[in-house]
PDB file of all heavy atoms in Angstrom:
ATOM      1  N   ALA A   1      34.333  86.751  85.552  1.00  0.00           N
ATOM      2  CA  ALA A   1      34.338  87.656  84.400  1.00  0.00           C
ATOM      3  C   ALA A   1      33.096  87.411  83.542  1.00  0.00           C
ATOM      4  O   ALA A   1      32.515  86.325  83.564  1.00  0.00           O
ATOM      5  CB  ALA A   1      35.596  87.450  83.567  1.00  0.00           C
ATOM      6  N   ASP A   2      32.711  88.439  82.795  1.00  0.00           N
ATOM      7  CA  ASP A   2      31.535  88.332  81.939  1.00  0.00           C
ATOM      8  C   ASP A   2      31.871  87.917  80.514  1.00  0.00           C
ATOM      9  O   ASP A   2      31.042  87.332  79.817  1.00  0.00           O
ATOM     10  CB  ASP A   2      30.793  89.670  81.917  1.00  0.00           C
ATOM     11  CG  ASP A   2      30.272  90.051  83.289  1.00  0.00           C
ATOM     12  OD1 ASP A   2      29.181  89.603  83.655  1.00  0.00           O
ATOM     13  OD2 ASP A   2      30.982  90.779  84.010  1.00  0.00           O
ATOM     14  N   ASP A   3      33.076  88.232  80.078  1.00  0.00           N
ATOM     15  CA  ASP A   3      33.502  87.878  78.721  1.00  0.00           C
ATOM     16  C   ASP A   3      35.012  88.023  78.657  1.00  0.00           C
ATOM     17  O   ASP A   3      35.657  88.509  79.594  1.00  0.00           O
ATOM     18  CB  ASP A   3      32.830  88.789  77.690  1.00  0.00           C
ATOM     19  CG  ASP A   3      32.880  88.223  76.269  1.00  0.00           C
ATOM     20  OD1 ASP A   3      33.399  87.097  76.087  1.00  0.00           O
ATOM     21  OD2 ASP A   3      32.409  88.911  75.347  1.00  0.00           O
ATOM     22  N   TYR A   4      35.595  87.583  77.566  1.00  0.00           N
ATOM     23  CA  TYR A   4      37.044  87.683  77.394  1.00  0.00           C
ATOM     24  C   TYR A   4      37.348  87.947  75.919  1.00  0.00           C
ATOM     25  O   TYR A   4      36.527  87.704  75.031  1.00  0.00           O
ATOM     26  CB  TYR A   4      37.730  86.376  77.831  1.00  0.00           C
ATOM     27  CG  TYR A   4      37.268  85.175  77.046  1.00  0.00           C
ATOM     28  CD1 TYR A   4      37.861  84.816  75.835  1.00  0.00           C
ATOM     29  CD2 TYR A   4      36.204  84.412  77.503  1.00  0.00           C
ATOM     30  CE1 TYR A   4      37.408  83.738  75.099  1.00  0.00           C
ATOM     31  CE2 TYR A   4      35.734  83.328  76.780  1.00  0.00           C
ATOM     32  CZ  TYR A   4      36.341  82.996  75.580  1.00  0.00           C
ATOM     33  OH  TYR A   4      35.876  81.928  74.843  1.00  0.00           O
ATOM     34  N   ILE A   5      38.549  88.450  75.678  1.00  0.00           N
ATOM     35  CA  ILE A   5      39.034  88.653  74.324  1.00  0.00           C
ATOM     36  C   ILE A   5      40.512  88.292  74.317  1.00  0.00           C
ATOM     37  O   ILE A   5      41.239  88.586  75.270  1.00  0.00           O
ATOM     38  CB  ILE A   5      38.793  90.108  73.839  1.00  0.00           C
ATOM     39  CG1 ILE A   5      39.163  90.266  72.369  1.00  0.00           C
ATOM     40  CG2 ILE A   5      39.546  91.110  74.698  1.00  0.00           C
ATOM     41  CD1 ILE A   5      38.715  91.606  71.786  1.00  0.00           C
ATOM     42  N   VAL A   6      40.937  87.597  73.274  1.00  0.00           N
ATOM     43  CA  VAL A   6      42.303  87.079  73.202  1.00  0.00           C
ATOM     44  C   VAL A   6      43.210  88.093  72.514  1.00  0.00           C
ATOM     45  O   VAL A   6      42.867  88.650  71.473  1.00  0.00           O
ATOM     46  CB  VAL A   6      42.324  85.730  72.456  1.00  0.00           C
ATOM     47  CG1 VAL A   6      43.758  85.211  72.331  1.00  0.00           C
ATOM     48  CG2 VAL A   6      41.459  84.701  73.176  1.00  0.00           C
ATOM     49  N   LYS A   7      44.371  88.340  73.137  1.00  0.00           N
ATOM     50  CA  LYS A   7      45.393  89.188  72.519  1.00  0.00           C
ATOM     51  C   LYS A   7      46.141  88.403  71.455  1.00  0.00           C
ATOM     52  O   LYS A   7      46.369  87.199  71.627  1.00  0.00           O
ATOM     53  CB  LYS A   7      46.398  89.671  73.569  1.00  0.00           C
ATOM     54  CG  LYS A   7      45.861  90.579  74.648  1.00  0.00           C
ATOM     55  CD  LYS A   7      47.008  90.924  75.606  1.00  0.00           C
ATOM     56  CE  LYS A   7      46.605  91.877  76.681  1.00  0.00           C
ATOM     57  NZ  LYS A   7      47.727  92.197  77.589  1.00  0.00           N
ATOM     58  N   PRO A   8      46.605  89.061  70.408  1.00  0.00           N
ATOM     59  CA  PRO A   8      46.292  90.445  70.016  1.00  0.00           C
ATOM     60  C   PRO A   8      44.872  90.533  69.469  1.00  0.00           C
ATOM     61  O   PRO A   8      44.365  89.577  68.886  1.00  0.00           O
ATOM     62  CB  PRO A   8      47.325  90.750  68.943  1.00  0.00           C
ATOM     63  CG  PRO A   8      47.616  89.421  68.328  1.00  0.00           C
ATOM     64  CD  PRO A   8      47.515  88.414  69.439  1.00  0.00           C
ATOM     65  N   PHE A   9      44.235  91.660  69.670  1.00  0.00           N
ATOM     66  CA  PHE A   9      42.855  91.838  69.236  1.00  0.00           C
ATOM     67  C   PHE A   9      42.770  93.086  68.364  1.00  0.00           C
ATOM     68  O   PHE A   9      43.663  93.941  68.387  1.00  0.00           O
ATOM     69  CB  PHE A   9      41.918  91.974  70.433  1.00  0.00           C
ATOM     70  CG  PHE A   9      42.330  93.055  71.392  1.00  0.00           C
ATOM     71  CD1 PHE A   9      41.975  94.389  71.185  1.00  0.00           C
ATOM     72  CD2 PHE A   9      43.084  92.745  72.519  1.00  0.00           C
ATOM     73  CE1 PHE A   9      42.362  95.379  72.060  1.00  0.00           C
ATOM     74  CE2 PHE A   9      43.470  93.736  73.412  1.00  0.00           C
ATOM     75  CZ  PHE A   9      43.115  95.051  73.182  1.00  0.00           C
ATOM     76  N   ILE A  10      41.697  93.174  67.604  1.00  0.00           N
ATOM     77  CA  ILE A  10      41.456  94.388  66.825  1.00  0.00           C
ATOM     78  C   ILE A  10      40.434  95.230  67.571  1.00  0.00           C
ATOM     79  O   ILE A  10      39.578  94.704  68.300  1.00  0.00           O
ATOM     80  CB  ILE A  10      40.980  94.093  65.387  1.00  0.00           C
ATOM     81  CG1 ILE A  10      39.671  93.301  65.400  1.00  0.00           C
ATOM     82  CG2 ILE A  10      42.046  93.350  64.611  1.00  0.00           C
ATOM     83  CD1 ILE A  10      39.070  93.128  64.015  1.00  0.00           C
ATOM     84  N   LEU A  11      40.538  96.532  67.421  1.00  0.00           N
ATOM     85  CA  LEU A  11      39.700  97.448  68.176  1.00  0.00           C
ATOM     86  C   LEU A  11      38.217  97.176  67.938  1.00  0.00           C
ATOM     87  O   LEU A  11      37.414  97.237  68.879  1.00  0.00           O
ATOM     88  CB  LEU A  11      40.029  98.894  67.806  1.00  0.00           C
ATOM     89  CG  LEU A  11      39.206  99.948  68.560  1.00  0.00           C
ATOM     90  CD1 LEU A  11      39.576  99.951  70.042  1.00  0.00           C
ATOM     91  CD2 LEU A  11      39.412 101.325  67.943  1.00  0.00           C
ATOM     92  N   GLU A  12      37.844  96.866  66.705  1.00  0.00           N
ATOM     93  CA  GLU A  12      36.435  96.662  66.380  1.00  0.00           C
ATOM     94  C   GLU A  12      35.832  95.516  67.206  1.00  0.00           C
ATOM     95  O   GLU A  12      34.690  95.594  67.658  1.00  0.00           O
ATOM     96  CB  GLU A  12      36.263  96.387  64.888  1.00  0.00           C
ATOM     97  CG  GLU A  12      36.487  97.592  63.993  1.00  0.00           C
ATOM     98  CD  GLU A  12      37.960  97.912  63.754  1.00  0.00           C
ATOM     99  OE1 GLU A  12      38.821  97.117  64.212  1.00  0.00           O
ATOM    100  OE2 GLU A  12      38.256  98.934  63.115  1.00  0.00           O
ATOM    101  N   GLU A  13      36.616  94.443  67.406  1.00  0.00           N
ATOM    102  CA  GLU A  13      36.105  93.332  68.208  1.00  0.00           C
ATOM    103  C   GLU A  13      35.980  93.735  69.673  1.00  0.00           C
ATOM    104  O   GLU A  13      35.000  93.392  70.346  1.00  0.00           O
ATOM    105  CB  GLU A  13      37.006  92.105  68.091  1.00  0.00           C
ATOM    106  CG  GLU A  13      36.469  90.914  68.891  1.00  0.00           C
ATOM    107  CD  GLU A  13      37.362  89.694  68.854  1.00  0.00           C
ATOM    108  OE1 GLU A  13      38.463  89.764  68.248  1.00  0.00           O
ATOM    109  OE2 GLU A  13      36.965  88.667  69.438  1.00  0.00           O
ATOM    110  N   LEU A  14      36.972  94.471  70.176  1.00  0.00           N
ATOM    111  CA  LEU A  14      36.917  94.933  71.558  1.00  0.00           C
ATOM    112  C   LEU A  14      35.676  95.780  71.789  1.00  0.00           C
ATOM    113  O   LEU A  14      34.934  95.579  72.762  1.00  0.00           O
ATOM    114  CB  LEU A  14      38.177  95.735  71.898  1.00  0.00           C
ATOM    115  CG  LEU A  14      38.215  96.360  73.299  1.00  0.00           C
ATOM    116  CD1 LEU A  14      38.214  95.287  74.376  1.00  0.00           C
ATOM    117  CD2 LEU A  14      39.434  97.276  73.446  1.00  0.00           C
ATOM    118  N   VAL A  15      35.419  96.718  70.888  1.00  0.00           N
ATOM    119  CA  VAL A  15      34.271  97.609  71.038  1.00  0.00           C
ATOM    120  C   VAL A  15      32.963  96.815  70.941  1.00  0.00           C
ATOM    121  O   VAL A  15      32.018  97.059  71.705  1.00  0.00           O
ATOM    122  CB  VAL A  15      34.305  98.724  69.972  1.00  0.00           C
ATOM    123  CG1 VAL A  15      33.000  99.517  69.968  1.00  0.00           C
ATOM    124  CG2 VAL A  15      35.482  99.659  70.223  1.00  0.00           C
ATOM    125  N   ALA A  16      32.904  95.843  70.029  1.00  0.00           N
ATOM    126  CA  ALA A  16      31.698  95.027  69.891  1.00  0.00           C
ATOM    127  C   ALA A  16      31.402  94.256  71.168  1.00  0.00           C
ATOM    128  O   ALA A  16      30.245  94.172  71.619  1.00  0.00           O
ATOM    129  CB  ALA A  16      31.852  94.064  68.714  1.00  0.00           C
ATOM    130  N   ARG A  17      32.439  93.698  71.781  1.00  0.00           N
ATOM    131  CA  ARG A  17      32.245  92.949  73.028  1.00  0.00           C
ATOM    132  C   ARG A  17      31.874  93.888  74.174  1.00  0.00           C
ATOM    133  O   ARG A  17      31.057  93.545  75.034  1.00  0.00           O
ATOM    134  CB  ARG A  17      33.493  92.143  73.362  1.00  0.00           C
ATOM    135  CG  ARG A  17      33.726  90.975  72.405  1.00  0.00           C
ATOM    136  CD  ARG A  17      34.945  90.159  72.800  1.00  0.00           C
ATOM    137  NE  ARG A  17      35.157  89.056  71.895  1.00  0.00           N
ATOM    138  CZ  ARG A  17      34.598  87.855  72.021  1.00  0.00           C
ATOM    139  NH1 ARG A  17      33.772  87.622  73.044  1.00  0.00           N
ATOM    140  NH2 ARG A  17      34.844  86.891  71.171  1.00  0.00           N
ATOM    141  N   MET A  18      32.464  95.084  74.195  1.00  0.00           N
ATOM    142  CA  MET A  18      32.095  96.077  75.202  1.00  0.00           C
ATOM    143  C   MET A  18      30.622  96.438  75.081  1.00  0.00           C
ATOM    144  O   MET A  18      29.891  96.472  76.080  1.00  0.00           O
ATOM    145  CB  MET A  18      32.949  97.334  75.033  1.00  0.00           C
ATOM    146  CG  MET A  18      34.389  97.185  75.482  1.00  0.00           C
ATOM    147  SD  MET A  18      35.395  98.614  74.991  1.00  0.00           S
ATOM    148  CE  MET A  18      34.415  99.989  75.582  1.00  0.00           C
ATOM    149  N   LYS A  19      30.181  96.707  73.862  1.00  0.00           N
ATOM    150  CA  LYS A  19      28.790  97.104  73.647  1.00  0.00           C
ATOM    151  C   LYS A  19      27.837  95.990  74.056  1.00  0.00           C
ATOM    152  O   LYS A  19      26.759  96.248  74.614  1.00  0.00           O
ATOM    153  CB  LYS A  19      28.570  97.490  72.191  1.00  0.00           C
ATOM    154  CG  LYS A  19      29.205  98.819  71.802  1.00  0.00           C
ATOM    155  CD  LYS A  19      28.936  99.156  70.351  1.00  0.00           C
ATOM    156  CE  LYS A  19      29.492 100.525  69.995  1.00  0.00           C
ATOM    157  NZ  LYS A  19      29.272 100.856  68.560  1.00  0.00           N
ATOM    158  N   ALA A  20      28.231  94.750  73.779  1.00  0.00           N
ATOM    159  CA  ALA A  20      27.386  93.614  74.166  1.00  0.00           C
ATOM    160  C   ALA A  20      27.228  93.552  75.681  1.00  0.00           C
ATOM    161  O   ALA A  20      26.123  93.311  76.198  1.00  0.00           O
ATOM    162  CB  ALA A  20      27.981  92.306  73.639  1.00  0.00           C
ATOM    163  N   LEU A  21      28.320  93.791  76.408  1.00  0.00           N
ATOM    164  CA  LEU A  21      28.253  93.774  77.870  1.00  0.00           C
ATOM    165  C   LEU A  21      27.463  94.960  78.402  1.00  0.00           C
ATOM    166  O   LEU A  21      26.710  94.837  79.375  1.00  0.00           O
ATOM    167  CB  LEU A  21      29.659  93.773  78.467  1.00  0.00           C
ATOM    168  CG  LEU A  21      30.460  92.481  78.281  1.00  0.00           C
ATOM    169  CD1 LEU A  21      31.854  92.629  78.894  1.00  0.00           C
ATOM    170  CD2 LEU A  21      29.739  91.297  78.901  1.00  0.00           C
ATOM    171  N   LEU A  22      27.641  96.119  77.786  1.00  0.00           N
ATOM    172  CA  LEU A  22      26.946  97.315  78.254  1.00  0.00           C
ATOM    173  C   LEU A  22      25.447  97.258  77.967  1.00  0.00           C
ATOM    174  O   LEU A  22      24.684  98.021  78.547  1.00  0.00           O
ATOM    175  CB  LEU A  22      27.564  98.565  77.617  1.00  0.00           C
ATOM    176  CG  LEU A  22      28.974  98.890  78.100  1.00  0.00           C
ATOM    177  CD1 LEU A  22      29.610  99.971  77.242  1.00  0.00           C
ATOM    178  CD2 LEU A  22      28.967  99.312  79.561  1.00  0.00           C
ATOM    179  N   ARG A  23      25.058  96.352  77.075  1.00  0.00           N
ATOM    180  CA  ARG A  23      23.632  96.155  76.832  1.00  0.00           C
ATOM    181  C   ARG A  23      23.009  95.217  77.860  1.00  0.00           C
ATOM    182  O   ARG A  23      21.811  94.987  77.847  1.00  0.00           O
ATOM    183  CB  ARG A  23      23.398  95.579  75.424  1.00  0.00           C
ATOM    184  CG  ARG A  23      23.586  96.576  74.303  1.00  0.00           C
ATOM    185  CD  ARG A  23      22.977  96.060  73.014  1.00  0.00           C
ATOM    186  NE  ARG A  23      23.621  94.857  72.522  1.00  0.00           N
ATOM    187  CZ  ARG A  23      24.633  94.849  71.653  1.00  0.00           C
ATOM    188  NH1 ARG A  23      25.107  95.984  71.197  1.00  0.00           N
ATOM    189  NH2 ARG A  23      25.160  93.709  71.249  1.00  0.00           N
ATOM    190  N   ARG A  24      23.844  94.682  78.764  1.00  0.00           N
ATOM    191  CA  ARG A  24      23.344  93.723  79.732  1.00  0.00           C
ATOM    192  C   ARG A  24      23.560  94.217  81.163  1.00  0.00           C
ATOM    193  O   ARG A  24      24.168  93.542  81.979  1.00  0.00           O
ATOM    194  CB  ARG A  24      24.052  92.378  79.577  1.00  0.00           C
ATOM    195  CG  ARG A  24      23.858  91.747  78.221  1.00  0.00           C
ATOM    196  CD  ARG A  24      24.444  90.350  78.160  1.00  0.00           C
ATOM    197  NE  ARG A  24      25.688  90.202  78.908  1.00  0.00           N
ATOM    198  CZ  ARG A  24      26.624  89.307  78.599  1.00  0.00           C
ATOM    199  NH1 ARG A  24      26.485  88.513  77.565  1.00  0.00           N
ATOM    200  NH2 ARG A  24      27.707  89.223  79.334  1.00  0.00           N
ATOM    201  N   PRO A  25      23.102  95.439  81.486  1.00  0.00           N
ATOM    202  CA  PRO A  25      23.272  95.920  82.856  1.00  0.00           C
ATOM    203  C   PRO A  25      22.324  95.200  83.800  1.00  0.00           C
ATOM    204  O   PRO A  25      21.471  94.434  83.378  1.00  0.00           O
ATOM    205  CB  PRO A  25      22.921  97.411  82.760  1.00  0.00           C
ATOM    206  CG  PRO A  25      21.965  97.471  81.622  1.00  0.00           C
ATOM    207  CD  PRO A  25      22.403  96.407  80.643  1.00  0.00           C
ATOM    208  N   LYS A  26      22.491  95.464  85.098  1.00  0.00           N
ATOM    209  CA  LYS A  26      21.640  94.820  86.101  1.00  0.00           C
ATOM    210  C   LYS A  26      20.178  95.158  85.859  1.00  0.00           C
ATOM    211  O   LYS A  26      19.298  94.337  86.042  1.00  0.00           O
ATOM    212  CB  LYS A  26      22.060  95.271  87.507  1.00  0.00           C
ATOM    213  CG  LYS A  26      23.437  94.791  87.908  1.00  0.00           C
ATOM    214  CD  LYS A  26      23.885  95.426  89.192  1.00  0.00           C
ATOM    215  CE  LYS A  26      23.030  94.958  90.363  1.00  0.00           C
ATOM    216  NZ  LYS A  26      23.521  95.504  91.638  1.00  0.00           N
ATOM    217  N   GLN A  27      19.917  96.382  85.455  1.00  0.00           N
ATOM    218  CA  GLN A  27      18.567  96.776  85.102  1.00  0.00           C
ATOM    219  C   GLN A  27      18.556  97.090  83.617  1.00  0.00           C
ATOM    220  O   GLN A  27      19.429  97.793  83.119  1.00  0.00           O
ATOM    221  CB  GLN A  27      18.120  98.003  85.893  1.00  0.00           C
ATOM    222  CG  GLN A  27      18.014  97.754  87.388  1.00  0.00           C
ATOM    223  CD  GLN A  27      17.561  98.985  88.126  1.00  0.00           C
ATOM    224  OE1 GLN A  27      17.596 100.088  87.575  1.00  0.00           O
ATOM    225  NE2 GLN A  27      17.128  98.807  89.352  1.00  0.00           N
ATOM    226  N   SER A  28      17.584  96.533  82.910  1.00  0.00           N
ATOM    227  CA  SER A  28      17.533  96.706  81.465  1.00  0.00           C
ATOM    228  C   SER A  28      17.371  98.182  81.109  1.00  0.00           C
ATOM    229  O   SER A  28      16.481  98.869  81.618  1.00  0.00           O
ATOM    230  CB  SER A  28      16.361  95.902  80.885  1.00  0.00           C
ATOM    231  OG  SER A  28      16.289  96.074  79.492  1.00  0.00           O
ATOM    232  N   LEU A  29      18.243  98.664  80.260  1.00  0.00           N
ATOM    233  CA  LEU A  29      18.188 100.056  79.816  1.00  0.00           C
ATOM    234  C   LEU A  29      17.756 100.095  78.358  1.00  0.00           C
ATOM    235  O   LEU A  29      18.356  99.423  77.513  1.00  0.00           O
ATOM    236  CB  LEU A  29      19.554 100.723  79.963  1.00  0.00           C
ATOM    237  CG  LEU A  29      20.103 100.820  81.389  1.00  0.00           C
ATOM    238  CD1 LEU A  29      21.485 101.444  81.363  1.00  0.00           C
ATOM    239  CD2 LEU A  29      19.176 101.601  82.284  1.00  0.00           C
ATOM    240  N   PRO A  30      16.736 100.854  78.017  1.00  0.00           N
ATOM    241  CA  PRO A  30      16.258 100.882  76.641  1.00  0.00           C
ATOM    242  C   PRO A  30      17.247 101.565  75.704  1.00  0.00           C
ATOM    243  O   PRO A  30      18.016 102.431  76.115  1.00  0.00           O
ATOM    244  CB  PRO A  30      14.959 101.696  76.745  1.00  0.00           C
ATOM    245  CG  PRO A  30      15.152 102.563  77.947  1.00  0.00           C
ATOM    246  CD  PRO A  30      15.965 101.747  78.908  1.00  0.00           C
ATOM    247  N   VAL A  31      17.203 101.161  74.440  1.00  0.00           N
ATOM    248  CA  VAL A  31      18.054 101.776  73.424  1.00  0.00           C
ATOM    249  C   VAL A  31      17.527 103.166  73.069  1.00  0.00           C
ATOM    250  O   VAL A  31      18.286 104.089  72.858  1.00  0.00           O
ATOM    251  CB  VAL A  31      18.134 100.883  72.171  1.00  0.00           C
ATOM    252  CG1 VAL A  31      18.811 101.621  71.016  1.00  0.00           C
ATOM    253  CG2 VAL A  31      18.879  99.593  72.481  1.00  0.00           C
ATOM    254  N   GLU A  32      16.207 103.294  73.004  1.00  0.00           N
ATOM    255  CA  GLU A  32      15.600 104.584  72.678  1.00  0.00           C
ATOM    256  C   GLU A  32      15.147 105.274  73.961  1.00  0.00           C
ATOM    257  O   GLU A  32      14.391 104.706  74.750  1.00  0.00           O
ATOM    258  CB  GLU A  32      14.418 104.418  71.725  1.00  0.00           C
ATOM    259  CG  GLU A  32      13.849 105.758  71.262  1.00  0.00           C
ATOM    260  CD  GLU A  32      12.846 105.630  70.146  1.00  0.00           C
ATOM    261  OE1 GLU A  32      13.251 105.492  68.986  1.00  0.00           O
ATOM    262  OE2 GLU A  32      11.634 105.659  70.440  1.00  0.00           O
ATOM    263  N   LEU A  33      15.636 106.481  74.149  1.00  0.00           N
ATOM    264  CA  LEU A  33      15.313 107.275  75.330  1.00  0.00           C
ATOM    265  C   LEU A  33      14.522 108.497  74.887  1.00  0.00           C
ATOM    266  O   LEU A  33      14.807 109.093  73.851  1.00  0.00           O
ATOM    267  CB  LEU A  33      16.595 107.710  76.047  1.00  0.00           C
ATOM    268  CG  LEU A  33      17.581 106.587  76.392  1.00  0.00           C
ATOM    269  CD1 LEU A  33      18.889 107.175  76.897  1.00  0.00           C
ATOM    270  CD2 LEU A  33      16.978 105.656  77.420  1.00  0.00           C
ATOM    271  N   LYS A  34      13.542 108.884  75.696  1.00  0.00           N
ATOM    272  CA  LYS A  34      12.676 109.986  75.277  1.00  0.00           C
ATOM    273  C   LYS A  34      12.211 110.795  76.470  1.00  0.00           C
ATOM    274  O   LYS A  34      11.907 110.250  77.531  1.00  0.00           O
ATOM    275  CB  LYS A  34      11.456 109.444  74.522  1.00  0.00           C
ATOM    276  CG  LYS A  34      10.570 110.524  73.906  1.00  0.00           C
ATOM    277  CD  LYS A  34       9.521 109.915  73.003  1.00  0.00           C
ATOM    278  CE  LYS A  34       8.680 111.000  72.338  1.00  0.00           C
ATOM    279  NZ  LYS A  34       7.669 110.455  71.414  1.00  0.00           N
ATOM    280  N   ILE A  35      12.183 112.113  76.292  1.00  0.00           N
ATOM    281  CA  ILE A  35      11.544 113.007  77.244  1.00  0.00           C
ATOM    282  C   ILE A  35      10.915 114.141  76.435  1.00  0.00           C
ATOM    283  O   ILE A  35      11.577 114.774  75.605  1.00  0.00           O
ATOM    284  CB  ILE A  35      12.533 113.551  78.298  1.00  0.00           C
ATOM    285  CG1 ILE A  35      11.799 114.440  79.297  1.00  0.00           C
ATOM    286  CG2 ILE A  35      13.708 114.257  77.662  1.00  0.00           C
ATOM    287  CD1 ILE A  35      12.606 114.792  80.535  1.00  0.00           C
ATOM    288  N   GLY A  36       9.612 114.370  76.658  1.00  0.00           N
ATOM    289  CA  GLY A  36       8.913 115.333  75.821  1.00  0.00           C
ATOM    290  C   GLY A  36       9.012 114.913  74.368  1.00  0.00           C
ATOM    291  O   GLY A  36       8.789 113.743  74.021  1.00  0.00           O
TER     292      GLY A  36
END
């Protein structure tokens, strides 16, 4: 596993941990995206 959260949890913590994991994909994805 990449991370864990202990029950009971609050939604804000769950979302924060999700976002932290989603910022660490196999290939780095930039926060700012641009075309034209």
